[in-house]
C-alpha atoms as a PDB file:
ATOM      1  CA  MET A   1      12.726  20.503   2.264  1.00  0.00           C
ATOM      2  CA  LYS A   2      14.687  18.394  -0.237  1.00  0.00           C
ATOM      3  CA  CYS A   3      13.768  15.095  -1.912  1.00  0.00           C
ATOM      4  CA  TRP A   4      15.283  12.093  -0.148  1.00  0.00           C
ATOM      5  CA  GLN A   5      16.448  10.638  -3.486  1.00  0.00           C
ATOM      6  CA  CYS A   6      17.665  13.554  -5.623  1.00  0.00           C
ATOM      7  CA  GLU A   7      17.943  16.710  -3.471  1.00  0.00           C
ATOM      8  CA  ASN A   8      15.388  18.620  -5.623  1.00  0.00           C
ATOM      9  CA  GLU A   9      12.571  20.505  -3.939  1.00  0.00           C
ATOM     10  CA  ALA A  10      10.209  18.092  -2.173  1.00  0.00           C
ATOM     11  CA  ARG A  11       6.507  18.250  -3.029  1.00  0.00           C
ATOM     12  CA  ALA A  12       5.100  15.552  -0.725  1.00  0.00           C
ATOM     13  CA  VAL A  13       5.840  13.276   2.221  1.00  0.00           C
ATOM     14  CA  CYS A  14       5.571   9.485   2.159  1.00  0.00           C
ATOM     15  CA  LYS A  15       2.493   8.314   4.069  1.00  0.00           C
ATOM     16  CA  PHE A  16       4.360   5.224   5.246  1.00  0.00           C
ATOM     17  CA  CYS A  17       7.853   6.359   6.342  1.00  0.00           C
ATOM     18  CA  GLY A  18       7.768  10.173   6.288  1.00  0.00           C
ATOM     19  CA  ARG A  19      10.516  10.720   3.689  1.00  0.00           C
ATOM     20  CA  ALA A  20      10.123  13.863   1.587  1.00  0.00           C
ATOM     21  CA  VAL A  21       9.921  13.310  -2.183  1.00  0.00           C
ATOM     22  CA  CYS A  22       9.810  15.476  -5.315  1.00  0.00           C
ATOM     23  CA  ARG A  23       7.101  15.102  -7.967  1.00  0.00           C
ATOM     24  CA  GLU A  24       9.346  12.824 -10.052  1.00  0.00           C
ATOM     25  CA  HIS A  25      10.025  10.348  -7.235  1.00  0.00           C
ATOM     26  CA  ALA A  26       6.553  10.380  -5.669  1.00  0.00           C
ATOM     27  CA  THR A  27       4.538   7.257  -6.416  1.00  0.00           C
ATOM     28  CA  LYS A  28       1.146   6.139  -5.154  1.00  0.00           C
ATOM     29  CA  MET A  29      -0.048   3.177  -3.122  1.00  0.00           C
ATOM     30  CA  PRO A  30      -3.388   2.413  -1.457  1.00  0.00           C
ATOM     31  CA  THR A  31      -3.601   2.514   2.336  1.00  0.00           C
ATOM     32  CA  PHE A  32      -6.290   1.713   4.888  1.00  0.00           C
ATOM     33  CA  ILE A  33      -7.381   4.557   7.109  1.00  0.00           C
ATOM     34  CA  ALA A  34     -10.034   2.661   9.089  1.00  0.00           C
ATOM     35  CA  MET A  35     -11.408  -0.862   9.510  1.00  0.00           C
ATOM     36  CA  PHE A  36     -14.828  -1.679  10.929  1.00  0.00           C
ATOM     37  CA  LEU A  37     -17.641  -4.239  10.924  1.00  0.00           C
ATOM     38  CA  GLY A  38     -20.483  -3.385   8.564  1.00  0.00           C
ATOM     39  CA  GLN A  39     -23.899  -4.960   8.107  1.00  0.00           C
ATOM     40  CA  ASN A  40     -24.076  -8.634   9.045  1.00  0.00           C
ATOM     41  CA  ASP A  41     -20.653  -8.284  10.730  1.00  0.00           C
ATOM     42  CA  THR A  42     -18.919  -8.009   7.350  1.00  0.00           C
ATOM     43  CA  PRO A  43     -15.415  -6.528   7.735  1.00  0.00           C
ATOM     44  CA  LYS A  44     -15.037  -3.294   5.750  1.00  0.00           C
ATOM     45  CA  GLY A  45     -12.240  -0.809   5.272  1.00  0.00           C
ATOM     46  CA  LEU A  46     -11.956   2.821   4.250  1.00  0.00           C
ATOM     47  CA  VAL A  47      -9.093   3.102   1.770  1.00  0.00           C
ATOM     48  CA  VAL A  48      -7.188   6.005   0.255  1.00  0.00           C
ATOM     49  CA  ALA A  49      -6.369   4.703  -3.222  1.00  0.00           C
ATOM     50  CA  ASP A  50      -3.526   7.070  -4.070  1.00  0.00           C
ATOM     51  CA  ALA A  51      -1.569   7.870  -0.902  1.00  0.00           C
ATOM     52  CA  ILE A  52       1.941   9.193  -1.565  1.00  0.00           C
ATOM     53  CA  TRP A  53       4.654   6.527  -1.323  1.00  0.00           C
ATOM     54  CA  CYS A  54       8.392   7.217  -1.650  1.00  0.00           C
ATOM     55  CA  GLY A  55       8.997   3.936  -3.480  1.00  0.00           C
ATOM     56  CA  LEU A  56      11.858   3.090  -1.117  1.00  0.00           C
ATOM     57  CA  CYS A  57      10.362   1.981   2.173  1.00  0.00           C
ATOM     58  CA  GLU A  58       9.318  -1.655   2.359  1.00  0.00           C
ATOM     59  CA  LEU A  59       6.024  -2.511   3.943  1.00  0.00           C
ATOM     60  CA  GLN A  60       6.167  -5.578   6.156  1.00  0.00           C
ATOM     61  CA  PRO A  61       4.219  -8.614   4.883  1.00  0.00           C
ATOM     62  CA  GLU A  62       2.671  -9.314   8.296  1.00  0.00           C
ATOM     63  CA  ALA A  63       1.522  -7.294  11.253  1.00  0.00           C
ATOM     64  CA  ILE A  64       3.989  -6.945  14.137  1.00  0.00           C
ATOM     65  CA  GLY A  65       2.795  -7.826  17.636  1.00  0.00           C
ATOM     66  CA  MET A  66       2.933  -5.038  20.232  1.00  0.00           C
ATOM     67  CA  PRO A  67       1.905  -6.658  23.527  1.00  0.00           C
ATOM     68  CA  GLU A  68       3.300  -3.730  25.541  1.00  0.00           C
ATOM     69  CA  LEU A  69       0.300  -1.641  24.419  1.00  0.00           C
ATOM     70  CA  TYR A  70      -2.201  -3.807  26.335  1.00  0.00           C
END
């Protein structure tokens, strides 16, 4: 597979959009993998601190409603 940005050999895939990236273009960004209520109903999250990010895709600032999944 080739890097989305430079056509060199890809080394990873973006956690957020799925684009393949080489070592030079791979960056890191934290991502939640699970949310839950802890002791005393305190919201907690399990986070991967250094998930691969292509640096190109733009994360949306707010969640998008999906009422069709109800």
